[in-house]
Amino acid sequence: MTANIYDQGLGQVPANFEALSPLTFLERAASVNPDKTAVVHIGVRRNWKQTYDRCRQAASALQKRGIGKGDTVSIMCPNLPEHFEAHFAVPMIGAVLNSINTRLDAEAVAFILQHAEAKVLITEREMSATVKQALEILDKNILVIDIDDPSFEGGELLGELTYDELLAEGDVNFAWQNPQNEWDAISLNYTSGTTGDPKGVVYHHRGAYLNAVSNVMSWGMPNQATYLWTLPMFHCNGWCFPWTIAAVAGVNVCLRHVRADEIVALIKEEKVDHFCGAPIVLNMINSLPEAEKSGIDHAVKVMTAGAPPPASVIQGMEDMGFVVTHVYGLTETYGPCVVCEWNDDWNDRTSEEKAKLKARQGVRVTMQEGLMVADPKTMEPVKKDGQTIGEIFMRGNIVMKGYLKNPPTTDAAFEGGWFRSGDLAVWHEDDYIEIKDRSKDIIISGGENISSVEVEDVLYRHPAVGDVAVVAKMDEKWGEVPCAFINLAEGAEVADGELKAYCREHMAHFKVPKKFVFVELPRTSTGKVQKFVLREWANAE
């Protein structure tokens, strides 16, 4: 086939092409805004030039110790400045960052270090008890580097050197390079592994770059936004927000522990204007006494995901004056890949109606090429009638490279040219999708499908309910019936009969839970209810 005129003498050269990588965001922030604040943590305030210098020092020191392209550098620590820096320092030398869930047990941490073939582990004294056990389980020696942060008392130093000592070994003028191929791996994130060993999800530089920009577009983030780290950096690399904040030369306000009073205090003190969190975090803030919540006199934008947020939770945040953006995604999609983009035609709706609209998952983000709700067997798109349930499928540049050392599972996830989410949803006429359940969480009662999300949404509206999850309970007559696990709001009291009557008023009678259990819900570190545990509890008898 003869090349057309646009293929002649118009090839890629250094002057017109460079692999996409979020590392360029850091260099630009330091070049354009060197004196602007980049990081705030207790008594630490660093600008973008200082942060860039520290990243180059860390990268240089790791390279001097033999770490290079394709090597895994794990980190297990809270949302500290060093965790932010690792998102740049590690990939600067072609290595791959593996941020480990800080709430995992020693056996799970050891599995990850072994499976990822980690050569370095950066950790912190708060994690030392778990890390020490994990290192004893591990059947190899790796370089351990301790972050000795003064904001935590206790624990112990386990490593060969501290992070500050590592920096001292490095060159502040280190000449790092972008990846030659934007398909190169930048990070490795492990799924929660609730049904066996966790899977290692591999991200590439191109996807990290595009999703970082996508976050800016989805949220309308201004330059130098002030971002509070309520979302764990270990979760999908903080939904790619370390790279996003560098892209807008914003301020990273670090937060060791997610507590509602500390969140509100930092919003006031640092004039935080953006933060992310699962619905449970929003509900924690909603539940604060009015006196603590008052005094926020500037606009604050909240991005929420992790579980379908009840409309009542969204409404509570907006009644405080916060603007909530609901997004949806998975570890396999770099975090948010769907956004409930606001339509100005909805401005005249009541606050309750607006909250219900915002509770939908939404439409694909600008950087996501494909999104559909389809029959999981035929892969034919379902009708956009808001009623027909199908599985959510995605494809495009912000879908993972695949699962590390697991070709069969990768092939199965990508079968048919789309990524299978495992989430069940309906597709509305206006193109917005709305999750109804995980495929394994749908309750089939007497042949009828019951969405646990729908039942939970009704229960959340009852003033006595602080937290709720609904699962299937085996039943001789109906096969399965809904069972509601409820954590009451502080100081509240309510009887089973009252909740049952409330449900009967607001939903079809066959959807009403047959049993109510009052208990604190088991959740993952990212705020998701562990429904497999609740199913065991429901059926234990």
Protein backbone atom coordinates (compact mmCIF):
# COMPACT_ATOMS: atom_id res chain seq x y z
CA MET A 1 0.00 0.00 0.00
CA THR A 2 1.40 3.36 -1.07
CA ALA A 3 1.87 5.91 1.70
CA ASN A 4 -0.29 9.01 1.41
CA ILE A 5 1.19 12.49 1.29
CA TYR A 6 0.70 12.94 5.04
CA ASP A 7 3.01 10.01 5.79
CA GLN A 8 5.89 11.36 3.69
CA GLY A 9 8.63 13.22 5.56
CA LEU A 10 6.35 13.88 8.54
CA GLY A 11 7.60 11.38 11.08
CA GLN A 12 7.93 11.61 14.85
CA VAL A 13 11.08 13.46 15.92
CA PRO A 14 12.13 14.93 19.29
CA ALA A 15 10.91 18.35 18.18
CA ASN A 16 7.31 17.23 17.70
CA PHE A 17 6.76 14.18 19.92
CA GLU A 18 7.41 13.16 23.51
CA ALA A 19 5.88 10.32 25.46
CA LEU A 20 3.10 11.49 27.77
CA SER A 21 4.10 11.31 31.42
CA PRO A 22 2.80 13.11 34.51
CA LEU A 23 6.44 13.69 35.52
CA THR A 24 6.39 16.75 33.27
CA PHE A 25 3.73 18.31 35.53
CA LEU A 26 6.20 18.44 38.43
CA GLU A 27 8.98 20.01 36.36
CA ARG A 28 6.56 22.63 35.02
CA ALA A 29 5.18 23.46 38.47
CA ALA A 30 8.72 24.00 39.78
CA SER A 31 9.68 26.07 36.74
CA VAL A 32 6.57 28.27 36.50
CA ASN A 33 5.60 28.46 40.18
CA PRO A 34 8.83 27.79 42.12
CA ASP A 35 7.86 29.87 45.17
CA LYS A 36 4.22 28.77 45.41
CA THR A 37 3.35 26.43 48.28
CA ALA A 38 3.31 22.79 47.23
CA VAL A 39 3.09 20.83 50.49
CA VAL A 40 1.70 21.55 53.96
CA HIS A 41 2.15 19.10 56.83
CA ILE A 42 2.04 20.13 60.50
CA GLY A 43 5.08 22.44 60.75
CA VAL A 44 6.31 21.77 57.21
CA ARG A 45 5.61 24.14 54.32
CA ARG A 46 7.55 23.56 51.10
CA ASN A 47 7.30 25.29 47.74
CA TRP A 48 7.36 23.61 44.34
CA LYS A 49 11.09 24.16 43.75
CA GLN A 50 11.94 22.53 47.09
CA THR A 51 9.60 19.63 46.34
CA TYR A 52 11.10 19.12 42.87
CA ASP A 53 14.60 19.18 44.34
CA ARG A 54 13.68 16.52 46.92
CA CYS A 55 12.17 14.29 44.22
CA ARG A 56 15.35 14.53 42.14
CA GLN A 57 17.49 13.75 45.18
CA ALA A 58 15.41 10.69 46.01
CA ALA A 59 15.49 9.48 42.39
CA SER A 60 19.24 9.98 42.17
CA ALA A 61 19.88 8.16 45.45
CA LEU A 62 17.72 5.19 44.46
CA GLN A 63 19.54 4.94 41.14
CA LYS A 64 22.92 5.00 42.91
CA ARG A 65 21.69 2.01 44.94
CA GLY A 66 20.99 0.05 41.77
CA ILE A 67 17.28 0.71 41.26
CA GLY A 68 16.26 1.28 37.65
CA LYS A 69 13.80 0.59 34.85
CA GLY A 70 11.19 -2.03 35.67
CA ASP A 71 12.16 -2.38 39.35
CA THR A 72 9.38 -2.18 41.94
CA VAL A 73 9.65 0.31 44.80
CA SER A 74 6.94 -0.26 47.41
CA ILE A 75 5.77 2.34 49.91
CA MET A 76 3.54 1.85 52.94
CA CYS A 77 2.80 5.02 54.86
CA PRO A 78 0.01 7.56 55.50
CA ASN A 79 -0.65 10.62 53.34
CA LEU A 80 2.66 12.33 54.10
CA PRO A 81 4.84 14.61 51.92
CA GLU A 82 7.24 11.72 51.28
CA HIS A 83 4.38 9.64 49.86
CA PHE A 84 3.56 12.46 47.45
CA GLU A 85 7.21 12.77 46.42
CA ALA A 86 7.48 9.03 45.72
CA HIS A 87 4.90 9.42 42.94
CA PHE A 88 7.55 11.36 41.01
CA ALA A 89 10.92 10.20 42.36
CA VAL A 90 10.34 6.49 41.65
CA PRO A 91 9.19 6.79 38.00
CA MET A 92 11.93 9.39 37.31
CA ILE A 93 14.34 6.44 37.08
CA GLY A 94 11.96 4.16 35.21
CA ALA A 95 11.02 2.23 38.34
CA VAL A 96 7.43 1.36 39.28
CA LEU A 97 5.73 2.68 42.41
CA ASN A 98 3.70 0.20 44.46
CA SER A 99 1.70 2.00 47.15
CA ILE A 100 0.44 -0.53 49.71
CA ASN A 101 -2.83 -0.29 51.63
CA THR A 102 -1.88 0.81 55.15
CA ARG A 103 -4.60 -1.32 56.75
CA LEU A 104 -3.55 -4.68 55.37
CA ASP A 105 -2.28 -7.40 57.68
CA ALA A 106 1.30 -8.67 57.62
CA GLU A 107 0.51 -11.74 55.51
CA ALA A 108 -1.14 -9.64 52.78
CA VAL A 109 1.74 -7.13 52.80
CA ALA A 110 4.27 -9.95 52.50
CA PHE A 111 2.32 -11.44 49.59
CA ILE A 112 2.36 -8.09 47.76
CA LEU A 113 6.09 -7.52 48.33
CA GLN A 114 6.80 -11.04 47.07
CA HIS A 115 4.46 -10.92 44.07
CA ALA A 116 5.62 -7.44 43.03
CA GLU A 117 9.28 -8.52 43.38
CA ALA A 118 9.88 -5.32 45.35
CA LYS A 119 13.51 -4.26 45.72
CA VAL A 120 12.83 -1.36 48.10
CA LEU A 121 10.22 -0.69 50.78
CA ILE A 122 9.72 2.87 52.06
CA THR A 123 7.72 2.81 55.27
CA GLU A 124 6.90 4.80 58.43
CA ARG A 125 6.91 4.19 62.18
CA GLU A 126 3.11 3.96 62.42
CA MET A 127 3.27 0.93 60.10
CA SER A 128 6.25 -0.71 61.82
CA ALA A 129 4.41 -3.48 63.71
CA THR A 130 2.78 -4.83 60.53
CA VAL A 131 5.83 -4.23 58.33
CA LYS A 132 8.14 -6.00 60.78
CA GLN A 133 5.98 -9.13 60.67
CA ALA A 134 5.70 -8.93 56.88
CA LEU A 135 9.48 -8.74 56.50
CA GLU A 136 9.84 -11.83 58.70
CA ILE A 137 7.42 -13.72 56.43
CA LEU A 138 9.15 -12.52 53.25
CA ASP A 139 11.72 -15.01 51.95
CA LYS A 140 14.18 -12.38 50.72
CA ASN A 141 15.95 -9.27 51.96
CA ILE A 142 15.00 -5.91 50.52
CA LEU A 143 16.20 -2.36 51.19
CA VAL A 144 13.97 -0.77 53.85
CA ILE A 145 13.85 3.03 54.18
CA ASP A 146 12.15 4.66 57.17
CA ILE A 147 10.20 7.91 57.10
CA ASP A 148 10.89 9.35 60.56
CA ASP A 149 7.94 11.74 60.81
CA PRO A 150 7.70 13.71 64.08
CA SER A 151 3.89 13.87 63.90
CA PHE A 152 3.68 10.25 65.12
CA GLU A 153 4.91 9.00 68.48
CA GLY A 154 5.69 5.33 68.90
CA GLY A 155 6.57 2.50 66.57
CA GLU A 156 10.15 1.77 65.58
CA LEU A 157 12.62 2.34 62.77
CA LEU A 158 13.21 -0.88 60.82
CA GLY A 159 15.33 0.15 57.89
CA GLU A 160 18.91 0.51 56.81
CA LEU A 161 18.51 4.29 56.60
CA THR A 162 15.95 7.05 56.93
CA TYR A 163 14.31 8.87 54.05
CA ASP A 164 16.23 12.05 54.91
CA GLU A 165 19.49 10.07 54.85
CA LEU A 166 18.50 8.74 51.43
CA LEU A 167 17.97 12.29 50.17
CA ALA A 168 21.42 13.25 51.41
CA GLU A 169 22.90 10.57 49.12
CA GLY A 170 21.21 12.07 46.06
CA ASP A 171 22.01 14.82 43.56
CA VAL A 172 19.65 17.79 43.58
CA ASN A 173 20.54 18.40 39.92
CA PHE A 174 19.87 14.81 38.87
CA ALA A 175 19.10 14.68 35.14
CA TRP A 176 16.09 12.38 35.08
CA GLN A 177 14.39 11.49 31.79
CA ASN A 178 10.83 10.92 30.64
CA PRO A 179 10.06 7.34 29.59
CA GLN A 180 10.89 6.57 25.98
CA ASN A 181 7.59 4.72 25.71
CA GLU A 182 4.47 6.11 27.36
CA TRP A 183 3.23 2.51 27.66
CA ASP A 184 5.93 1.87 30.28
CA ALA A 185 4.56 1.00 33.71
CA ILE A 186 4.43 3.85 36.24
CA SER A 187 2.65 2.21 39.17
CA LEU A 188 1.27 -1.02 40.57
CA ASN A 189 -1.90 -1.11 42.68
CA TYR A 190 -3.33 -4.21 44.32
CA THR A 191 -7.06 -4.83 44.50
CA SER A 192 -8.60 -5.56 47.87
CA GLY A 193 -8.51 -9.31 47.39
CA THR A 194 -11.76 -10.13 49.19
CA THR A 195 -12.05 -13.41 47.28
CA GLY A 196 -8.49 -14.70 47.39
CA ASP A 197 -5.09 -13.13 46.83
CA PRO A 198 -5.18 -9.53 45.57
CA LYS A 199 -4.46 -8.83 41.89
CA GLY A 200 -1.74 -6.40 40.83
CA VAL A 201 -3.16 -3.70 38.54
CA VAL A 202 -0.52 -2.07 36.33
CA TYR A 203 -0.81 1.59 35.20
CA HIS A 204 1.19 3.20 32.38
CA HIS A 205 2.53 6.76 32.07
CA ARG A 206 0.04 7.67 29.35
CA GLY A 207 -2.98 6.66 31.44
CA ALA A 208 -1.66 8.41 34.55
CA TYR A 209 -1.11 11.60 32.54
CA LEU A 210 -4.54 11.50 30.94
CA ASN A 211 -6.47 10.71 34.12
CA ALA A 212 -4.62 13.46 36.00
CA VAL A 213 -5.82 15.93 33.36
CA SER A 214 -9.25 14.32 33.36
CA ASN A 215 -9.58 15.09 37.09
CA VAL A 216 -8.93 18.77 36.36
CA MET A 217 -11.58 18.83 33.63
CA SER A 218 -14.19 16.82 35.57
CA TRP A 219 -13.89 19.15 38.55
CA GLY A 220 -13.11 22.44 36.82
CA MET A 221 -10.04 22.80 39.03
CA PRO A 222 -8.32 26.18 38.96
CA ASN A 223 -4.57 26.74 39.04
CA GLN A 224 -3.12 26.56 42.56
CA ALA A 225 -6.16 24.82 44.04
CA THR A 226 -5.76 23.80 47.68
CA TYR A 227 -6.36 20.06 48.03
CA LEU A 228 -6.84 18.17 51.30
CA TRP A 229 -5.57 14.57 51.34
CA THR A 230 -8.58 12.80 52.82
CA LEU A 231 -8.35 10.12 50.11
CA PRO A 232 -5.61 7.51 50.70
CA MET A 233 -2.68 7.85 48.32
CA PHE A 234 -2.53 4.05 48.22
CA HIS A 235 -5.99 3.88 46.61
CA CYS A 236 -5.51 4.01 42.81
CA ASN A 237 -2.56 6.32 43.53
CA GLY A 238 -5.00 8.65 45.23
CA TRP A 239 -7.20 8.54 42.10
CA CYS A 240 -4.14 10.01 40.28
CA PHE A 241 -4.44 13.25 42.29
CA PRO A 242 -0.71 13.50 43.20
CA TRP A 243 -0.14 14.09 39.49
CA THR A 244 -3.26 16.25 39.19
CA ILE A 245 -2.15 18.64 41.94
CA ALA A 246 1.23 19.00 40.24
CA ALA A 247 -0.55 19.76 36.95
CA VAL A 248 -2.33 22.75 38.54
CA ALA A 249 0.61 23.66 40.82
CA GLY A 250 -1.76 23.32 43.73
CA VAL A 251 -1.27 22.89 47.46
CA ASN A 252 -1.12 19.42 49.00
CA VAL A 253 -2.50 19.62 52.54
CA CYS A 254 -1.45 16.33 54.13
CA LEU A 255 -3.60 14.46 56.63
CA ARG A 256 -2.38 11.44 58.58
CA HIS A 257 -5.77 10.22 59.87
CA VAL A 258 -9.21 10.82 58.36
CA ARG A 259 -11.25 12.34 61.17
CA ALA A 260 -14.20 14.63 60.59
CA ASP A 261 -13.14 17.28 63.11
CA GLU A 262 -9.61 17.44 61.65
CA ILE A 263 -10.98 17.68 58.11
CA VAL A 264 -13.21 20.63 58.98
CA ALA A 265 -10.45 22.32 61.00
CA LEU A 266 -7.99 22.11 58.07
CA ILE A 267 -10.62 23.34 55.61
CA LYS A 268 -10.93 26.45 57.76
CA GLU A 269 -7.23 26.94 58.55
CA GLU A 270 -5.75 26.27 55.10
CA LYS A 271 -8.72 27.48 53.05
CA VAL A 272 -9.01 24.05 51.45
CA ASP A 273 -11.22 24.24 48.36
CA HIS A 274 -11.09 20.63 47.10
CA PHE A 275 -11.10 17.20 48.74
CA CYS A 276 -12.16 13.63 47.90
CA GLY A 277 -13.75 10.94 49.99
CA ALA A 278 -16.05 7.94 50.10
CA PRO A 279 -19.68 8.57 51.15
CA ILE A 280 -18.86 7.42 54.68
CA VAL A 281 -16.39 10.33 55.01
CA LEU A 282 -19.09 12.77 53.90
CA ASN A 283 -21.51 11.25 56.37
CA MET A 284 -18.93 11.68 59.16
CA ILE A 285 -18.80 15.39 58.34
CA ASN A 286 -22.60 15.62 58.12
CA SER A 287 -22.83 14.11 61.61
CA LEU A 288 -20.61 16.72 63.28
CA PRO A 289 -22.32 19.17 65.66
CA GLU A 290 -23.47 22.34 63.92
CA ALA A 291 -21.04 24.45 65.94
CA GLU A 292 -18.07 22.54 64.54
CA LYS A 293 -19.31 22.75 60.96
CA SER A 294 -19.94 26.50 61.05
CA GLY A 295 -17.33 29.04 60.04
CA ILE A 296 -16.50 27.78 56.54
CA ASP A 297 -16.94 30.95 54.52
CA HIS A 298 -15.44 29.88 51.18
CA ALA A 299 -16.49 27.52 48.37
CA VAL A 300 -15.49 23.88 48.86
CA LYS A 301 -15.79 21.20 46.18
CA VAL A 302 -16.12 17.55 47.16
CA MET A 303 -15.52 14.57 44.88
CA THR A 304 -17.06 11.33 46.11
CA ALA A 305 -16.90 7.72 44.96
CA GLY A 306 -16.10 4.28 46.32
CA ALA A 307 -19.73 3.26 46.83
CA PRO A 308 -23.00 4.60 45.42
CA PRO A 309 -23.66 7.66 47.63
CA PRO A 310 -27.15 7.96 49.10
CA ALA A 311 -28.95 11.07 47.89
CA SER A 312 -29.50 12.08 51.51
CA VAL A 313 -25.73 12.18 52.13
CA ILE A 314 -25.18 14.39 49.08
CA GLN A 315 -28.03 16.66 50.15
CA GLY A 316 -26.54 16.98 53.65
CA MET A 317 -23.19 18.14 52.23
CA GLU A 318 -24.79 20.62 49.86
CA ASP A 319 -26.93 22.00 52.68
CA MET A 320 -23.58 22.90 54.31
CA GLY A 321 -22.66 24.83 51.17
CA PHE A 322 -20.31 22.21 49.71
CA VAL A 323 -20.60 21.35 46.01
CA VAL A 324 -20.55 17.58 45.48
CA THR A 325 -19.32 15.89 42.31
CA HIS A 326 -20.02 12.18 42.11
CA VAL A 327 -17.56 10.04 40.14
CA TYR A 328 -17.21 6.32 39.55
CA GLY A 329 -14.39 4.02 38.61
CA LEU A 330 -12.32 1.05 39.68
CA THR A 331 -8.69 0.32 40.47
CA GLU A 332 -8.50 -0.99 36.91
CA THR A 333 -9.50 2.42 35.48
CA TYR A 334 -7.03 4.64 37.39
CA GLY A 335 -9.87 5.67 39.69
CA PRO A 336 -12.54 8.01 38.27
CA CYS A 337 -13.52 7.31 34.67
CA VAL A 338 -17.21 8.29 34.93
CA VAL A 339 -18.52 11.61 36.26
CA CYS A 340 -22.01 12.83 37.10
CA GLU A 341 -21.50 15.95 35.03
CA TRP A 342 -23.91 18.68 36.06
CA ASN A 343 -26.49 19.90 33.53
CA ASP A 344 -27.59 23.52 34.00
CA ASP A 345 -31.08 22.52 32.92
CA TRP A 346 -31.38 20.93 36.39
CA ASN A 347 -30.70 24.17 38.28
CA ASP A 348 -34.37 24.84 39.01
CA ARG A 349 -34.99 21.43 40.59
CA THR A 350 -35.57 21.03 44.32
CA SER A 351 -32.57 20.20 46.50
CA GLU A 352 -33.91 16.67 46.93
CA GLU A 353 -34.28 16.20 43.16
CA LYS A 354 -30.78 17.59 42.57
CA ALA A 355 -29.32 15.19 45.12
CA LYS A 356 -31.00 12.22 43.40
CA LEU A 357 -29.58 13.31 40.04
CA LYS A 358 -26.12 13.68 41.57
CA ALA A 359 -26.38 10.20 43.08
CA ARG A 360 -26.25 8.71 39.57
CA GLN A 361 -22.79 7.65 38.40
CA GLY A 362 -22.96 9.71 35.20
CA VAL A 363 -21.27 9.78 31.81
CA ARG A 364 -17.75 8.93 30.65
CA VAL A 365 -15.05 11.47 31.45
CA THR A 366 -13.47 13.35 28.56
CA MET A 367 -10.41 11.09 28.49
CA GLN A 368 -12.38 7.84 28.48
CA GLU A 369 -13.13 6.57 24.97
CA GLY A 370 -15.92 4.10 25.66
CA LEU A 371 -18.61 3.41 28.25
CA MET A 372 -21.69 1.23 27.92
CA VAL A 373 -24.20 -0.78 29.90
CA ALA A 374 -24.68 -4.09 28.13
CA ASP A 375 -25.84 -7.67 28.48
CA PRO A 376 -22.80 -9.46 29.98
CA LYS A 377 -23.34 -12.51 27.76
CA THR A 378 -24.12 -10.96 24.37
CA MET A 379 -22.40 -7.60 25.01
CA GLU A 380 -25.33 -5.91 23.31
CA PRO A 381 -26.06 -2.48 24.85
CA VAL A 382 -29.22 -2.36 26.95
CA LYS A 383 -32.09 0.02 26.27
CA LYS A 384 -31.62 3.53 27.65
CA ASP A 385 -34.84 3.29 29.60
CA GLY A 386 -33.55 3.60 33.17
CA GLN A 387 -35.01 0.15 33.88
CA THR A 388 -33.10 -2.57 32.01
CA ILE A 389 -30.14 -3.82 34.04
CA GLY A 390 -26.82 -4.70 32.43
CA GLU A 391 -23.12 -4.72 33.27
CA ILE A 392 -20.92 -1.62 32.96
CA PHE A 393 -18.15 -1.89 30.36
CA MET A 394 -15.29 0.56 29.65
CA ARG A 395 -12.48 0.89 27.15
CA GLY A 396 -9.80 3.44 26.32
CA ASN A 397 -6.55 4.96 27.49
CA ILE A 398 -7.48 5.08 31.16
CA VAL A 399 -7.96 1.34 31.46
CA MET A 400 -5.06 -0.56 33.05
CA LYS A 401 -2.31 -2.35 31.14
CA GLY A 402 -3.51 -5.53 32.83
CA TYR A 403 -2.92 -7.70 35.90
CA LEU A 404 0.72 -8.34 36.83
CA LYS A 405 1.90 -11.87 36.01
CA ASN A 406 -1.68 -13.00 35.41
CA PRO A 407 -2.41 -13.28 31.64
CA PRO A 408 -5.53 -15.48 31.96
CA THR A 409 -7.29 -13.02 34.29
CA THR A 410 -6.20 -10.09 32.10
CA ASP A 411 -7.56 -11.81 28.98
CA ALA A 412 -10.86 -12.56 30.71
CA ALA A 413 -11.23 -8.96 31.89
CA PHE A 414 -10.66 -7.65 28.34
CA GLU A 415 -12.73 -10.27 26.50
CA GLY A 416 -14.67 -8.73 23.63
CA GLY A 417 -12.55 -5.59 23.49
CA TRP A 418 -13.99 -4.02 26.64
CA PHE A 419 -13.12 -4.07 30.34
CA ARG A 420 -15.77 -5.82 32.40
CA SER A 421 -16.48 -3.93 35.63
CA GLY A 422 -18.70 -6.48 37.41
CA ASP A 423 -21.06 -3.63 38.35
CA LEU A 424 -24.73 -3.76 37.34
CA ALA A 425 -26.47 -0.59 36.22
CA VAL A 426 -29.25 0.93 34.16
CA TRP A 427 -28.75 3.40 31.32
CA HIS A 428 -30.95 6.49 31.32
CA GLU A 429 -32.30 8.24 28.27
CA ASP A 430 -29.94 11.19 28.85
CA ASP A 431 -26.94 8.78 28.58
CA TYR A 432 -26.23 8.77 32.34
CA ILE A 433 -25.64 5.41 33.97
CA GLU A 434 -26.83 4.49 37.45
CA ILE A 435 -25.44 1.58 39.43
CA LYS A 436 -27.94 -0.81 40.89
CA ASP A 437 -25.51 -3.31 42.42
CA ARG A 438 -22.43 -5.44 42.09
CA SER A 439 -23.34 -8.56 40.12
CA LYS A 440 -22.79 -10.65 43.26
CA ASP A 441 -24.87 -8.31 45.45
CA ILE A 442 -28.18 -8.40 43.55
CA ILE A 443 -30.84 -10.08 45.72
CA ILE A 444 -33.10 -12.50 43.83
CA SER A 445 -36.28 -12.99 45.83
CA GLY A 446 -39.04 -15.16 44.39
CA GLY A 447 -37.58 -14.62 40.92
CA GLU A 448 -37.57 -10.81 41.30
CA ASN A 449 -34.33 -8.80 41.28
CA ILE A 450 -33.91 -6.45 44.26
CA SER A 451 -31.22 -3.76 44.19
CA SER A 452 -29.54 -3.54 47.59
CA VAL A 453 -28.48 0.03 46.68
CA GLU A 454 -32.12 1.06 46.23
CA VAL A 455 -33.12 -0.36 49.63
CA GLU A 456 -30.10 1.28 51.30
CA ASP A 457 -30.96 4.64 49.77
CA VAL A 458 -34.44 4.54 51.35
CA LEU A 459 -33.11 3.53 54.76
CA TYR A 460 -30.47 6.26 54.70
CA ARG A 461 -33.29 8.83 54.63
CA HIS A 462 -34.56 7.70 58.04
CA PRO A 463 -33.15 10.12 60.65
CA ALA A 464 -32.15 7.32 63.03
CA VAL A 465 -29.95 5.57 60.45
CA GLY A 466 -26.30 6.58 60.39
CA ASP A 467 -24.90 3.80 58.20
CA VAL A 468 -26.57 0.90 56.39
CA ALA A 469 -25.87 -2.04 54.12
CA VAL A 470 -28.32 -4.58 52.69
CA VAL A 471 -27.41 -8.12 51.63
CA ALA A 472 -29.17 -11.33 50.67
CA LYS A 473 -30.25 -13.76 53.38
CA MET A 474 -31.18 -17.29 52.38
CA ASP A 475 -34.88 -18.10 52.74
CA GLU A 476 -36.69 -21.41 52.29
CA LYS A 477 -39.75 -19.86 50.65
CA TRP A 478 -38.31 -17.00 48.57
CA GLY A 479 -34.78 -18.24 47.95
CA GLU A 480 -33.32 -14.95 49.15
CA VAL A 481 -34.69 -11.99 51.11
CA PRO A 482 -33.12 -8.63 52.01
CA CYS A 483 -31.36 -8.34 55.37
CA ALA A 484 -30.42 -4.83 56.57
CA PHE A 485 -27.39 -4.15 58.75
CA ILE A 486 -27.68 -0.76 60.42
CA ASN A 487 -25.40 1.43 62.49
CA LEU A 488 -27.64 3.96 64.24
CA ALA A 489 -26.89 7.68 64.23
CA GLU A 490 -25.33 8.90 67.46
CA GLY A 491 -27.90 8.99 70.25
CA ALA A 492 -30.67 7.54 68.06
CA GLU A 493 -33.06 4.73 68.98
CA VAL A 494 -35.46 2.91 66.67
CA ALA A 495 -37.35 -0.39 66.64
CA ASP A 496 -37.42 -2.98 63.85
CA GLY A 497 -41.12 -2.40 63.36
CA GLU A 498 -40.71 1.31 62.76
CA LEU A 499 -38.03 0.76 60.12
CA LYS A 500 -40.09 -1.95 58.44
CA ALA A 501 -43.11 0.37 58.31
CA TYR A 502 -40.94 3.18 56.93
CA CYS A 503 -39.67 0.90 54.17
CA ARG A 504 -43.17 -0.27 53.27
CA GLU A 505 -44.15 3.38 52.75
CA HIS A 506 -41.28 4.05 50.36
CA MET A 507 -40.75 0.88 48.32
CA ALA A 508 -42.49 -2.18 46.94
CA HIS A 509 -43.32 -4.55 49.79
CA PHE A 510 -41.29 -7.48 48.41
CA LYS A 511 -38.16 -5.27 48.68
CA VAL A 512 -38.61 -4.55 52.40
CA PRO A 513 -35.89 -6.18 54.54
CA LYS A 514 -37.15 -9.19 56.44
CA LYS A 515 -34.55 -8.73 59.16
CA PHE A 516 -32.75 -5.76 60.74
CA VAL A 517 -29.41 -6.17 62.52
CA PHE A 518 -27.93 -3.26 64.49
CA VAL A 519 -24.14 -3.34 64.29
CA GLU A 520 -21.11 -1.34 63.16
CA LEU A 521 -20.49 -2.17 59.50
CA PRO A 522 -17.22 -3.83 58.45
CA ARG A 523 -15.51 -1.64 55.86
CA THR A 524 -12.33 -1.71 53.80
CA SER A 525 -9.74 1.02 54.21
CA THR A 526 -11.23 2.78 51.18
CA GLY A 527 -14.69 2.98 52.75
CA LYS A 528 -16.38 0.12 50.93
CA VAL A 529 -18.67 -2.12 52.96
CA GLN A 530 -17.41 -5.72 53.10
CA LYS A 531 -20.67 -7.28 52.01
CA PHE A 532 -19.17 -10.76 51.85
CA VAL A 533 -18.74 -10.52 55.63
CA LEU A 534 -22.33 -9.35 56.07
CA ARG A 535 -23.60 -12.22 53.93
CA GLU A 536 -21.80 -14.62 56.25
CA TRP A 537 -23.36 -12.91 59.28
CA ALA A 538 -26.82 -12.91 57.72
CA ASN A 539 -26.72 -16.62 56.99
CA ALA A 540 -24.73 -17.79 60.04
CA GLU A 541 -27.86 -19.00 61.80
